[in-house]
């Protein structure tokens, strides 16, 4: 049976599931039950049914301005730095979410790059942030794009994980390759796809920029 947590860093946004789990843990500690409890989260408000989804991380009020935004036949939902919203079924949490002086956007109008690669969002202090996308459980192929077309950041390795799996693992971009995309297969077990971006680089020991550009989710 699947639990409210899919990994050490991914968990449901459903508070009732945690209340039930806490109560059952109390019963276990009080010897009222003999097995450790595993509680399944109820479907979340705004949860997206199993299917394909494409998200473009950008300032929703700025470029790219195309509406709808279509790249390579995919229609992209424009996602900014907003905190998690149960009605929409997605959003961010983190130290600087809600601080427009630090949670920033970028757009580089460079030839040779499509609109989803030209736009991005990032934490100007390099602190980690967590994005949740309420999604029906199942196996998915997830592709994440990072970087900025304007220039590479060889001294700022990017880091990102999806459902606890390292997808962008301390990877530095260069002027020759300022953007990159990586894919991974993940199992969603808690009703939410979790993306973690940014944080401290193992190579430099410092907090490092991670420019998050786009996310594609395809069921397997």
N, C-alpha and C. Protein backbone atom coordinates (compact mmCIF):
# COMPACT_ATOMS: atom_id res chain seq x y z
N UNK A 1 0.85 -1.19 0.00
CA UNK A 1 0.00 0.00 0.00
C UNK A 1 0.88 1.24 0.00
N UNK A 2 0.49 2.30 -0.76
CA UNK A 2 1.28 3.52 -0.86
C UNK A 2 0.99 4.42 0.33
N UNK A 3 2.01 5.13 0.78
CA UNK A 3 1.89 5.97 1.96
C UNK A 3 1.73 7.44 1.56
N UNK A 4 1.62 8.31 2.60
CA UNK A 4 1.52 9.74 2.35
C UNK A 4 2.84 10.31 1.85
N UNK A 5 3.94 9.58 2.00
CA UNK A 5 5.24 10.04 1.54
C UNK A 5 5.79 9.07 0.51
N UNK A 6 6.22 9.62 -0.63
CA UNK A 6 6.78 8.78 -1.68
C UNK A 6 8.29 8.63 -1.55
N UNK A 7 8.94 9.54 -0.79
CA UNK A 7 10.38 9.50 -0.58
C UNK A 7 10.68 10.34 0.66
N UNK A 8 11.97 10.51 0.97
CA UNK A 8 12.35 11.32 2.13
C UNK A 8 12.06 12.79 1.90
N UNK A 9 11.83 13.20 0.65
CA UNK A 9 11.62 14.60 0.33
C UNK A 9 10.30 14.87 -0.37
N UNK A 10 9.50 13.86 -0.63
CA UNK A 10 8.23 14.05 -1.31
C UNK A 10 7.08 13.52 -0.48
N UNK A 11 6.06 14.38 -0.29
CA UNK A 11 4.93 13.96 0.52
C UNK A 11 3.67 14.69 0.06
N UNK A 12 2.54 14.17 0.51
CA UNK A 12 1.27 14.73 0.10
C UNK A 12 1.02 16.10 0.74
N UNK A 13 0.13 16.88 0.11
CA UNK A 13 -0.31 18.15 0.67
C UNK A 13 -1.62 18.00 1.46
N UNK A 14 -2.09 16.76 1.61
CA UNK A 14 -3.38 16.48 2.25
C UNK A 14 -3.22 16.43 3.77
N UNK A 15 -3.70 17.45 4.53
CA UNK A 15 -3.49 17.45 5.99
C UNK A 15 -4.25 16.33 6.69
N UNK A 16 -5.40 15.92 6.15
CA UNK A 16 -6.17 14.86 6.81
C UNK A 16 -5.42 13.54 6.81
N UNK A 17 -4.64 13.30 5.75
CA UNK A 17 -3.86 12.06 5.69
C UNK A 17 -2.83 12.02 6.81
N UNK A 18 -2.21 13.17 7.11
CA UNK A 18 -1.22 13.22 8.18
C UNK A 18 -1.89 13.09 9.55
N UNK A 19 -3.07 13.66 9.71
CA UNK A 19 -3.79 13.51 10.98
C UNK A 19 -4.12 12.04 11.25
N UNK A 20 -4.62 11.37 10.22
CA UNK A 20 -4.92 9.94 10.36
C UNK A 20 -3.67 9.15 10.68
N UNK A 21 -2.57 9.43 9.99
CA UNK A 21 -1.32 8.71 10.22
C UNK A 21 -0.81 8.95 11.63
N UNK A 22 -0.89 10.19 12.11
CA UNK A 22 -0.44 10.51 13.47
C UNK A 22 -1.26 9.74 14.51
N UNK A 23 -2.58 9.69 14.30
CA UNK A 23 -3.42 8.96 15.24
C UNK A 23 -3.10 7.47 15.26
N UNK A 24 -2.87 6.92 14.08
CA UNK A 24 -2.55 5.49 14.01
C UNK A 24 -1.18 5.20 14.59
N UNK A 25 -0.23 6.12 14.43
CA UNK A 25 1.08 5.94 15.07
C UNK A 25 0.93 5.94 16.60
N UNK A 26 0.03 6.79 17.11
CA UNK A 26 -0.24 6.80 18.55
C UNK A 26 -0.79 5.47 19.02
N UNK A 27 -1.69 4.89 18.23
CA UNK A 27 -2.24 3.58 18.58
C UNK A 27 -1.15 2.52 18.57
N UNK A 28 -0.21 2.63 17.61
CA UNK A 28 0.89 1.66 17.53
C UNK A 28 1.80 1.79 18.76
N UNK A 29 2.13 3.03 19.12
CA UNK A 29 3.00 3.24 20.28
C UNK A 29 2.30 2.84 21.58
N UNK A 30 0.95 2.91 21.59
CA UNK A 30 0.19 2.52 22.77
C UNK A 30 -0.18 1.05 22.75
N UNK A 31 0.39 0.30 21.80
CA UNK A 31 0.17 -1.15 21.69
C UNK A 31 -1.30 -1.51 21.40
N UNK A 32 -2.03 -0.58 20.78
CA UNK A 32 -3.41 -0.87 20.39
C UNK A 32 -3.46 -1.53 19.01
N UNK A 33 -2.36 -1.46 18.28
CA UNK A 33 -2.24 -2.17 17.01
C UNK A 33 -0.83 -2.72 16.94
N UNK A 34 -0.63 -3.78 16.16
CA UNK A 34 0.66 -4.48 16.14
C UNK A 34 1.49 -4.17 14.91
N UNK A 35 0.93 -3.50 13.92
CA UNK A 35 1.68 -3.19 12.69
C UNK A 35 1.82 -1.69 12.54
N UNK A 36 2.92 -1.26 11.91
CA UNK A 36 3.11 0.16 11.63
C UNK A 36 2.06 0.63 10.63
N UNK A 37 1.47 1.79 10.85
CA UNK A 37 0.43 2.27 9.94
C UNK A 37 1.01 2.81 8.63
N UNK A 38 0.31 2.59 7.57
CA UNK A 38 0.61 3.18 6.26
C UNK A 38 -0.69 3.76 5.75
N UNK A 39 -0.74 5.06 5.62
CA UNK A 39 -1.98 5.74 5.28
C UNK A 39 -1.90 6.32 3.88
N UNK A 40 -2.91 6.08 3.09
CA UNK A 40 -2.98 6.61 1.73
C UNK A 40 -3.67 7.97 1.75
N UNK A 41 -3.08 8.92 1.06
CA UNK A 41 -3.69 10.25 0.98
C UNK A 41 -4.91 10.22 0.08
N UNK A 42 -5.93 10.96 0.50
CA UNK A 42 -7.12 11.10 -0.34
C UNK A 42 -6.79 11.97 -1.54
N UNK A 43 -7.55 11.83 -2.64
CA UNK A 43 -7.32 12.72 -3.78
C UNK A 43 -7.37 14.18 -3.35
N UNK A 44 -6.41 14.98 -3.82
CA UNK A 44 -6.33 16.36 -3.41
C UNK A 44 -7.23 17.24 -4.26
N UNK A 45 -7.70 18.37 -3.69
CA UNK A 45 -8.42 19.34 -4.52
C UNK A 45 -7.53 19.80 -5.66
N UNK A 46 -8.07 19.88 -6.84
CA UNK A 46 -7.28 20.33 -7.98
C UNK A 46 -6.36 19.27 -8.55
N UNK A 47 -6.48 18.03 -8.07
CA UNK A 47 -5.57 17.00 -8.56
C UNK A 47 -5.81 16.71 -10.04
N UNK A 48 -4.73 16.61 -10.77
CA UNK A 48 -4.81 16.40 -12.21
C UNK A 48 -4.90 14.90 -12.50
N UNK A 49 -5.84 14.49 -13.36
CA UNK A 49 -5.95 13.07 -13.70
C UNK A 49 -4.74 12.62 -14.50
N UNK A 50 -4.54 11.33 -14.54
CA UNK A 50 -3.41 10.76 -15.27
C UNK A 50 -3.45 11.24 -16.72
N UNK A 51 -2.34 11.77 -17.19
CA UNK A 51 -2.26 12.32 -18.53
C UNK A 51 -0.94 13.05 -18.72
N UNK A 52 -0.80 13.73 -19.86
CA UNK A 52 0.41 14.48 -20.19
C UNK A 52 0.22 15.95 -19.80
N UNK A 53 1.27 16.54 -19.24
CA UNK A 53 1.22 17.94 -18.82
C UNK A 53 2.55 18.61 -19.14
N UNK A 54 2.46 19.88 -19.53
CA UNK A 54 3.66 20.67 -19.83
C UNK A 54 3.56 22.01 -19.12
N UNK A 55 4.60 22.35 -18.37
CA UNK A 55 4.63 23.57 -17.56
C UNK A 55 5.81 24.43 -17.99
N UNK A 56 5.55 25.72 -18.19
CA UNK A 56 6.62 26.67 -18.49
C UNK A 56 6.80 27.59 -17.30
N UNK A 57 7.99 27.57 -16.70
CA UNK A 57 8.27 28.38 -15.52
C UNK A 57 8.71 29.77 -15.98
N UNK A 58 7.86 30.77 -15.71
CA UNK A 58 8.08 32.12 -16.20
C UNK A 58 7.24 33.09 -15.38
N UNK A 59 7.47 34.38 -15.60
CA UNK A 59 6.58 35.39 -15.06
C UNK A 59 5.30 35.33 -15.89
N UNK A 60 4.17 34.92 -15.29
CA UNK A 60 2.94 34.77 -16.08
C UNK A 60 2.47 36.07 -16.72
N UNK A 61 2.96 37.22 -16.22
CA UNK A 61 2.53 38.52 -16.75
C UNK A 61 3.51 39.08 -17.78
N UNK A 62 4.55 38.33 -18.10
CA UNK A 62 5.59 38.84 -19.00
C UNK A 62 5.87 37.82 -20.10
N UNK A 63 6.99 37.98 -20.77
CA UNK A 63 7.33 37.08 -21.88
C UNK A 63 7.71 35.70 -21.37
N UNK A 64 7.38 34.68 -22.18
CA UNK A 64 6.66 34.73 -23.45
C UNK A 64 5.18 35.05 -23.27
N UNK A 65 4.66 35.86 -24.20
CA UNK A 65 3.29 36.36 -24.06
C UNK A 65 2.28 35.55 -24.86
N UNK A 66 2.73 34.60 -25.70
CA UNK A 66 1.80 33.81 -26.51
C UNK A 66 0.78 33.12 -25.61
N UNK A 67 -0.47 33.16 -26.01
CA UNK A 67 -1.54 32.54 -25.24
C UNK A 67 -2.54 31.89 -26.19
N UNK A 68 -2.54 30.57 -26.30
CA UNK A 68 -1.74 29.63 -25.50
C UNK A 68 -0.28 29.59 -25.96
N UNK A 69 0.58 29.16 -25.06
CA UNK A 69 1.99 28.96 -25.38
C UNK A 69 2.17 27.53 -25.88
N UNK A 70 2.49 27.38 -27.15
CA UNK A 70 2.64 26.06 -27.76
C UNK A 70 4.06 25.92 -28.30
N UNK A 71 4.74 24.87 -27.86
CA UNK A 71 6.11 24.57 -28.31
C UNK A 71 6.17 23.10 -28.68
N UNK A 72 6.62 22.82 -29.89
CA UNK A 72 6.74 21.43 -30.37
C UNK A 72 5.44 20.65 -30.19
N UNK A 73 4.32 21.31 -30.43
CA UNK A 73 3.02 20.64 -30.35
C UNK A 73 2.48 20.48 -28.95
N UNK A 74 3.20 20.94 -27.93
CA UNK A 74 2.73 20.86 -26.55
C UNK A 74 2.23 22.22 -26.10
N UNK A 75 1.10 22.22 -25.42
CA UNK A 75 0.56 23.46 -24.85
C UNK A 75 1.03 23.59 -23.41
N UNK A 76 1.72 24.70 -23.12
CA UNK A 76 2.35 24.88 -21.82
C UNK A 76 1.52 25.79 -20.91
N UNK A 77 1.34 25.34 -19.67
CA UNK A 77 0.75 26.16 -18.63
C UNK A 77 1.83 27.06 -18.06
N UNK A 78 1.56 28.35 -17.95
CA UNK A 78 2.55 29.30 -17.44
C UNK A 78 2.51 29.30 -15.92
N UNK A 79 3.63 28.95 -15.32
CA UNK A 79 3.71 28.81 -13.86
C UNK A 79 4.76 29.76 -13.31
N UNK A 80 4.35 30.61 -12.37
CA UNK A 80 5.28 31.53 -11.73
C UNK A 80 5.70 31.05 -10.36
N UNK A 81 6.08 32.00 -9.51
CA UNK A 81 6.60 31.69 -8.18
C UNK A 81 5.49 31.58 -7.14
N UNK A 82 4.25 31.41 -7.55
CA UNK A 82 3.16 31.37 -6.58
C UNK A 82 3.27 30.21 -5.61
N UNK A 83 2.85 30.42 -4.34
CA UNK A 83 2.83 29.33 -3.37
C UNK A 83 1.79 28.29 -3.75
N UNK A 84 1.89 27.11 -3.15
CA UNK A 84 0.97 26.03 -3.50
C UNK A 84 -0.47 26.48 -3.32
N UNK A 85 -1.27 26.25 -4.36
CA UNK A 85 -2.69 26.61 -4.37
C UNK A 85 -3.51 25.35 -4.61
N UNK A 86 -4.25 24.87 -3.61
CA UNK A 86 -5.02 23.64 -3.79
C UNK A 86 -6.02 23.72 -4.94
N UNK A 87 -6.55 24.92 -5.21
CA UNK A 87 -7.52 25.06 -6.29
C UNK A 87 -6.89 24.80 -7.65
N UNK A 88 -5.65 25.24 -7.83
CA UNK A 88 -4.93 25.01 -9.08
C UNK A 88 -4.22 23.65 -9.08
N UNK A 89 -3.91 23.15 -7.89
CA UNK A 89 -3.23 21.87 -7.81
C UNK A 89 -1.75 21.96 -8.09
N UNK A 90 -1.15 23.13 -7.88
CA UNK A 90 0.30 23.24 -8.02
C UNK A 90 0.80 24.51 -7.33
N UNK A 91 2.11 24.57 -7.10
CA UNK A 91 2.70 25.75 -6.50
C UNK A 91 3.99 25.42 -5.76
N UNK A 92 4.62 26.47 -5.25
CA UNK A 92 5.94 26.38 -4.64
C UNK A 92 5.90 26.53 -3.12
N UNK A 93 6.93 26.00 -2.47
CA UNK A 93 7.20 26.29 -1.08
C UNK A 93 8.71 26.41 -0.92
N UNK A 94 9.15 27.22 0.03
CA UNK A 94 10.58 27.41 0.23
C UNK A 94 10.86 28.70 0.96
N UNK A 95 12.10 28.89 1.33
CA UNK A 95 12.50 30.02 2.16
C UNK A 95 12.12 31.37 1.56
N UNK A 96 12.28 31.50 0.24
CA UNK A 96 12.09 32.81 -0.39
C UNK A 96 10.87 32.90 -1.29
N UNK A 97 10.04 31.87 -1.28
CA UNK A 97 8.79 31.94 -2.04
C UNK A 97 7.91 33.04 -1.42
N UNK A 98 7.43 33.94 -2.24
CA UNK A 98 6.68 35.08 -1.74
C UNK A 98 7.52 36.31 -1.53
N UNK A 99 8.83 36.22 -1.80
CA UNK A 99 9.73 37.37 -1.68
C UNK A 99 10.19 37.78 -3.08
N UNK A 100 9.53 38.76 -3.70
CA UNK A 100 9.86 39.11 -5.09
C UNK A 100 11.26 39.68 -5.27
N UNK A 101 11.91 40.09 -4.19
CA UNK A 101 13.27 40.59 -4.31
C UNK A 101 14.29 39.46 -4.49
N UNK A 102 13.87 38.23 -4.17
CA UNK A 102 14.79 37.09 -4.24
C UNK A 102 14.28 36.02 -5.21
N UNK A 103 12.98 35.77 -5.20
CA UNK A 103 12.39 34.80 -6.13
C UNK A 103 12.17 35.52 -7.46
N UNK A 104 13.09 35.32 -8.39
CA UNK A 104 13.17 36.14 -9.60
C UNK A 104 12.80 35.37 -10.86
N UNK A 105 12.61 36.14 -11.94
CA UNK A 105 12.33 35.60 -13.26
C UNK A 105 13.41 36.05 -14.24
N UNK A 106 13.59 35.27 -15.30
CA UNK A 106 14.50 35.65 -16.36
C UNK A 106 13.90 35.37 -17.72
N UNK A 107 14.29 36.16 -18.70
CA UNK A 107 13.90 35.92 -20.09
C UNK A 107 15.03 36.43 -20.97
N UNK A 108 15.57 35.54 -21.81
CA UNK A 108 16.67 35.88 -22.70
C UNK A 108 16.22 35.68 -24.14
N UNK A 109 16.06 36.77 -24.88
CA UNK A 109 15.59 36.71 -26.26
C UNK A 109 16.77 36.38 -27.18
N UNK A 110 17.19 35.14 -27.14
CA UNK A 110 18.32 34.69 -27.94
C UNK A 110 17.86 33.77 -29.06
N UNK A 111 18.43 33.98 -30.25
CA UNK A 111 18.11 33.11 -31.38
C UNK A 111 18.61 31.69 -31.11
N UNK A 112 17.90 30.72 -31.69
CA UNK A 112 18.31 29.34 -31.55
C UNK A 112 17.71 28.63 -30.35
N UNK A 113 16.86 29.33 -29.59
CA UNK A 113 16.23 28.75 -28.41
C UNK A 113 14.72 29.00 -28.48
N UNK A 114 13.94 27.96 -28.16
CA UNK A 114 12.49 28.16 -28.15
C UNK A 114 12.07 28.89 -26.88
N UNK A 115 10.80 29.31 -26.83
CA UNK A 115 10.31 30.16 -25.74
C UNK A 115 10.39 29.48 -24.38
N UNK A 116 10.24 28.18 -24.33
CA UNK A 116 10.29 27.52 -23.03
C UNK A 116 11.71 27.53 -22.47
N UNK A 117 12.73 27.62 -23.33
CA UNK A 117 14.12 27.70 -22.86
C UNK A 117 14.54 29.14 -22.59
N UNK A 118 13.89 30.08 -23.23
CA UNK A 118 14.24 31.48 -23.03
C UNK A 118 13.80 32.00 -21.68
N UNK A 119 12.74 31.45 -21.13
CA UNK A 119 12.18 31.93 -19.86
C UNK A 119 12.54 30.99 -18.72
N UNK A 120 12.59 31.55 -17.52
CA UNK A 120 12.96 30.72 -16.35
C UNK A 120 12.58 31.45 -15.08
N UNK A 121 12.68 30.74 -13.98
CA UNK A 121 12.61 31.36 -12.66
C UNK A 121 13.73 30.78 -11.81
N UNK A 122 14.15 31.55 -10.79
CA UNK A 122 15.28 31.11 -9.96
C UNK A 122 15.29 31.87 -8.65
N UNK A 123 15.93 31.26 -7.65
CA UNK A 123 16.14 31.90 -6.35
C UNK A 123 17.49 32.60 -6.41
N UNK A 124 17.48 33.92 -6.21
CA UNK A 124 18.71 34.70 -6.36
C UNK A 124 19.73 34.41 -5.28
N UNK A 125 19.31 33.75 -4.19
CA UNK A 125 20.24 33.34 -3.14
C UNK A 125 20.64 31.87 -3.31
N UNK A 126 20.07 31.20 -4.30
CA UNK A 126 20.40 29.80 -4.53
C UNK A 126 19.77 28.84 -3.54
N UNK A 127 18.82 29.30 -2.73
CA UNK A 127 18.23 28.44 -1.73
C UNK A 127 17.30 27.40 -2.38
N UNK A 128 17.15 26.24 -1.77
CA UNK A 128 16.28 25.22 -2.36
C UNK A 128 14.82 25.62 -2.30
N UNK A 129 14.06 25.22 -3.30
CA UNK A 129 12.62 25.44 -3.34
C UNK A 129 11.97 24.15 -3.83
N UNK A 130 10.71 23.98 -3.44
CA UNK A 130 9.99 22.74 -3.72
C UNK A 130 8.71 23.04 -4.47
N UNK A 131 8.53 22.37 -5.62
CA UNK A 131 7.33 22.55 -6.44
C UNK A 131 6.51 21.28 -6.39
N UNK A 132 5.21 21.43 -6.12
CA UNK A 132 4.29 20.29 -6.07
C UNK A 132 3.26 20.43 -7.19
N UNK A 133 3.01 19.33 -7.87
CA UNK A 133 1.99 19.27 -8.91
C UNK A 133 1.08 18.11 -8.58
N UNK A 134 -0.15 18.42 -8.12
CA UNK A 134 -1.08 17.38 -7.71
C UNK A 134 -1.43 16.51 -8.92
N UNK A 135 -1.16 15.20 -8.81
CA UNK A 135 -1.24 14.31 -9.96
C UNK A 135 -1.66 12.92 -9.52
N UNK A 136 -2.53 12.32 -10.32
CA UNK A 136 -2.97 10.96 -10.04
C UNK A 136 -1.77 10.02 -10.00
N UNK A 137 -1.79 9.09 -9.07
CA UNK A 137 -0.68 8.15 -8.91
C UNK A 137 -0.44 7.35 -10.19
N UNK A 138 0.81 6.95 -10.36
CA UNK A 138 1.19 6.15 -11.52
C UNK A 138 2.62 6.45 -11.91
N UNK A 139 3.06 5.79 -12.98
CA UNK A 139 4.43 5.97 -13.46
C UNK A 139 4.44 7.00 -14.59
N UNK A 140 5.42 7.90 -14.53
CA UNK A 140 5.51 9.00 -15.49
C UNK A 140 6.96 9.20 -15.95
N UNK A 141 7.09 9.67 -17.17
CA UNK A 141 8.38 10.12 -17.70
C UNK A 141 8.42 11.63 -17.56
N UNK A 142 9.39 12.15 -16.81
CA UNK A 142 9.46 13.57 -16.52
C UNK A 142 10.73 14.15 -17.14
N UNK A 143 10.56 15.26 -17.87
CA UNK A 143 11.70 15.96 -18.48
C UNK A 143 11.76 17.36 -17.91
N UNK A 144 12.92 17.74 -17.40
CA UNK A 144 13.14 19.05 -16.81
C UNK A 144 14.19 19.81 -17.61
N UNK A 145 13.88 21.07 -17.94
CA UNK A 145 14.84 21.94 -18.60
C UNK A 145 15.35 23.00 -17.65
N UNK A 146 16.66 23.25 -17.65
CA UNK A 146 17.26 24.28 -16.80
C UNK A 146 18.25 25.10 -17.62
N UNK A 147 18.65 26.24 -17.05
CA UNK A 147 19.65 27.08 -17.69
C UNK A 147 19.07 28.34 -18.31
N UNK A 148 20.00 29.21 -18.81
CA UNK A 148 19.62 30.46 -19.47
C UNK A 148 20.37 30.59 -20.78
N UNK A 149 19.68 30.95 -21.86
CA UNK A 149 20.37 31.08 -23.15
C UNK A 149 21.43 32.17 -23.18
N UNK A 150 21.30 33.20 -22.35
CA UNK A 150 22.20 34.36 -22.44
C UNK A 150 23.65 34.00 -22.14
N UNK A 151 23.86 33.01 -21.25
CA UNK A 151 25.24 32.67 -20.86
C UNK A 151 25.23 31.41 -20.03
N UNK A 152 26.39 30.78 -19.95
CA UNK A 152 26.56 29.65 -19.08
C UNK A 152 26.99 30.09 -17.69
N UNK A 153 26.87 29.17 -16.74
CA UNK A 153 27.26 29.44 -15.36
C UNK A 153 28.18 28.31 -14.89
N UNK A 154 29.44 28.31 -15.36
CA UNK A 154 30.33 27.20 -15.03
C UNK A 154 30.68 27.09 -13.55
N UNK A 155 30.52 28.18 -12.80
CA UNK A 155 30.84 28.16 -11.37
C UNK A 155 29.59 28.05 -10.50
N UNK A 156 28.44 27.81 -11.14
CA UNK A 156 27.17 27.71 -10.43
C UNK A 156 26.48 26.40 -10.84
N UNK A 157 26.90 25.27 -10.32
CA UNK A 157 26.29 24.00 -10.72
C UNK A 157 24.81 23.93 -10.36
N UNK A 158 24.00 23.47 -11.30
CA UNK A 158 22.56 23.35 -11.08
C UNK A 158 22.24 22.02 -10.41
N UNK A 159 21.18 22.02 -9.61
CA UNK A 159 20.73 20.82 -8.92
C UNK A 159 19.21 20.75 -8.92
N UNK A 160 18.69 19.55 -9.22
CA UNK A 160 17.24 19.35 -9.17
C UNK A 160 16.96 17.86 -9.01
N UNK A 161 15.86 17.56 -8.32
CA UNK A 161 15.42 16.19 -8.12
C UNK A 161 13.92 16.11 -8.35
N UNK A 162 13.46 14.99 -8.88
CA UNK A 162 12.04 14.72 -9.07
C UNK A 162 11.69 13.45 -8.32
N UNK A 163 10.72 13.54 -7.43
CA UNK A 163 10.32 12.41 -6.60
C UNK A 163 11.53 11.78 -5.90
N UNK A 164 12.44 12.63 -5.45
CA UNK A 164 13.61 12.17 -4.71
C UNK A 164 14.74 11.64 -5.55
N UNK A 165 14.57 11.57 -6.88
CA UNK A 165 15.62 11.08 -7.77
C UNK A 165 16.40 12.26 -8.33
N UNK A 166 17.74 12.22 -8.18
CA UNK A 166 18.57 13.30 -8.69
C UNK A 166 18.50 13.31 -10.21
N UNK A 167 18.02 14.41 -10.76
CA UNK A 167 17.87 14.55 -12.21
C UNK A 167 18.93 15.46 -12.79
N UNK A 168 19.14 16.61 -12.16
CA UNK A 168 20.24 17.51 -12.50
C UNK A 168 21.19 17.48 -11.31
N UNK A 169 22.32 16.83 -11.47
CA UNK A 169 23.18 16.50 -10.33
C UNK A 169 24.47 17.30 -10.37
N UNK A 170 24.43 18.52 -9.79
CA UNK A 170 25.62 19.38 -9.73
C UNK A 170 26.22 19.59 -11.12
N UNK A 171 25.36 19.93 -12.08
CA UNK A 171 25.78 20.10 -13.47
C UNK A 171 25.96 21.59 -13.77
N UNK A 172 27.13 21.96 -14.26
CA UNK A 172 27.41 23.35 -14.62
C UNK A 172 27.11 23.56 -16.10
N UNK A 173 26.49 24.68 -16.43
CA UNK A 173 26.27 25.04 -17.82
C UNK A 173 27.44 25.89 -18.32
N UNK A 174 27.59 25.97 -19.64
CA UNK A 174 28.68 26.73 -20.25
C UNK A 174 28.10 27.63 -21.34
N UNK A 175 28.90 28.56 -21.83
CA UNK A 175 28.44 29.41 -22.92
C UNK A 175 28.13 28.59 -24.16
N UNK A 176 28.86 27.49 -24.34
CA UNK A 176 28.61 26.61 -25.49
C UNK A 176 27.33 25.81 -25.32
N UNK A 177 26.98 25.48 -24.07
CA UNK A 177 25.74 24.76 -23.77
C UNK A 177 25.11 25.40 -22.53
N UNK A 178 24.42 26.55 -22.72
CA UNK A 178 23.87 27.27 -21.58
C UNK A 178 22.57 26.70 -21.03
N UNK A 179 21.91 25.83 -21.81
CA UNK A 179 20.70 25.18 -21.32
C UNK A 179 20.84 23.67 -21.48
N UNK A 180 20.09 22.93 -20.70
CA UNK A 180 20.10 21.48 -20.82
C UNK A 180 18.79 20.91 -20.33
N UNK A 181 18.50 19.69 -20.74
CA UNK A 181 17.30 18.99 -20.32
C UNK A 181 17.66 17.57 -19.97
N UNK A 182 17.02 17.04 -18.92
CA UNK A 182 17.24 15.67 -18.49
C UNK A 182 15.88 15.02 -18.23
N UNK A 183 15.82 13.70 -18.42
CA UNK A 183 14.57 12.96 -18.23
C UNK A 183 14.78 11.82 -17.24
N UNK A 184 13.69 11.46 -16.55
CA UNK A 184 13.73 10.36 -15.59
C UNK A 184 12.34 9.76 -15.49
N UNK A 185 12.27 8.46 -15.22
CA UNK A 185 11.01 7.79 -14.96
C UNK A 185 10.79 7.73 -13.45
N UNK A 186 9.61 8.15 -13.00
CA UNK A 186 9.32 8.18 -11.57
C UNK A 186 7.95 7.56 -11.32
N UNK A 187 7.75 7.12 -10.09
CA UNK A 187 6.47 6.58 -9.65
C UNK A 187 5.85 7.56 -8.67
N UNK A 188 4.70 8.12 -9.01
CA UNK A 188 3.98 9.00 -8.10
C UNK A 188 3.10 8.13 -7.22
N UNK A 189 3.29 8.22 -5.90
CA UNK A 189 2.58 7.37 -4.96
C UNK A 189 1.73 8.15 -3.96
N UNK A 190 1.95 9.45 -3.87
CA UNK A 190 1.28 10.24 -2.84
C UNK A 190 0.34 11.29 -3.41
N UNK A 191 -0.02 11.16 -4.69
CA UNK A 191 -0.94 12.11 -5.28
C UNK A 191 -0.33 13.44 -5.66
N UNK A 192 1.01 13.51 -5.67
CA UNK A 192 1.67 14.76 -6.02
C UNK A 192 3.06 14.49 -6.59
N UNK A 193 3.35 15.12 -7.72
CA UNK A 193 4.69 15.07 -8.30
C UNK A 193 5.52 16.17 -7.66
N UNK A 194 6.67 15.81 -7.11
CA UNK A 194 7.50 16.76 -6.36
C UNK A 194 8.78 17.05 -7.11
N UNK A 195 9.03 18.35 -7.35
CA UNK A 195 10.28 18.83 -7.93
C UNK A 195 11.00 19.66 -6.89
N UNK A 196 12.27 19.35 -6.65
CA UNK A 196 13.11 20.15 -5.78
C UNK A 196 14.23 20.75 -6.61
N UNK A 197 14.41 22.06 -6.49
CA UNK A 197 15.40 22.76 -7.31
C UNK A 197 16.25 23.68 -6.45
N UNK A 198 17.54 23.79 -6.82
CA UNK A 198 18.44 24.69 -6.12
C UNK A 198 19.10 24.03 -4.93
N UNK A 199 19.73 24.87 -4.11
CA UNK A 199 20.41 24.36 -2.93
C UNK A 199 21.91 24.48 -3.03
N UNK A 200 22.58 23.86 -2.09
CA UNK A 200 24.04 23.95 -1.99
C UNK A 200 24.71 22.96 -2.93
N UNK A 201 25.70 23.42 -3.67
CA UNK A 201 26.47 22.56 -4.56
C UNK A 201 27.48 21.74 -3.77
N UNK A 202 27.55 20.44 -4.07
CA UNK A 202 28.55 19.61 -3.41
C UNK A 202 29.95 19.98 -3.89
N UNK A 203 30.04 20.44 -5.13
CA UNK A 203 31.37 20.73 -5.70
C UNK A 203 31.96 22.02 -5.14
N UNK A 204 31.13 23.07 -5.02
CA UNK A 204 31.64 24.35 -4.56
C UNK A 204 31.44 24.57 -3.06
N UNK A 205 30.47 23.86 -2.48
CA UNK A 205 30.15 24.07 -1.07
C UNK A 205 29.28 25.27 -0.81
N UNK A 206 28.91 26.01 -1.87
CA UNK A 206 28.09 27.20 -1.73
C UNK A 206 26.70 26.99 -2.34
N UNK A 207 25.75 27.84 -1.96
CA UNK A 207 24.46 27.83 -2.62
C UNK A 207 24.65 28.27 -4.06
N UNK A 208 23.90 27.65 -4.96
CA UNK A 208 24.17 27.81 -6.37
C UNK A 208 22.88 28.03 -7.15
N UNK A 209 22.96 28.84 -8.21
CA UNK A 209 21.79 29.10 -9.05
C UNK A 209 21.32 27.82 -9.74
N UNK A 210 20.01 27.65 -9.79
CA UNK A 210 19.39 26.68 -10.68
C UNK A 210 18.25 27.39 -11.39
N UNK A 211 18.43 27.63 -12.69
CA UNK A 211 17.44 28.33 -13.49
C UNK A 211 16.46 27.29 -14.04
N UNK A 212 15.26 27.25 -13.49
CA UNK A 212 14.27 26.25 -13.86
C UNK A 212 13.44 26.79 -15.02
N UNK A 213 13.43 26.07 -16.15
CA UNK A 213 12.81 26.57 -17.36
C UNK A 213 11.47 25.90 -17.68
N UNK A 214 11.44 24.59 -17.76
CA UNK A 214 10.19 23.91 -18.15
C UNK A 214 10.16 22.50 -17.59
N UNK A 215 8.94 21.92 -17.59
CA UNK A 215 8.74 20.57 -17.09
C UNK A 215 7.70 19.89 -17.97
N UNK A 216 8.05 18.72 -18.50
CA UNK A 216 7.12 17.88 -19.28
C UNK A 216 6.86 16.60 -18.52
N UNK A 217 5.60 16.22 -18.42
CA UNK A 217 5.19 15.00 -17.71
C UNK A 217 4.35 14.15 -18.65
N UNK A 218 4.78 12.90 -18.86
CA UNK A 218 4.10 11.99 -19.79
C UNK A 218 3.89 10.65 -19.09
N UNK A 219 2.67 10.12 -19.07
CA UNK A 219 2.44 8.82 -18.43
C UNK A 219 3.13 7.69 -19.18
N UNK A 220 3.59 6.70 -18.43
CA UNK A 220 4.23 5.52 -19.02
C UNK A 220 3.34 4.30 -18.84
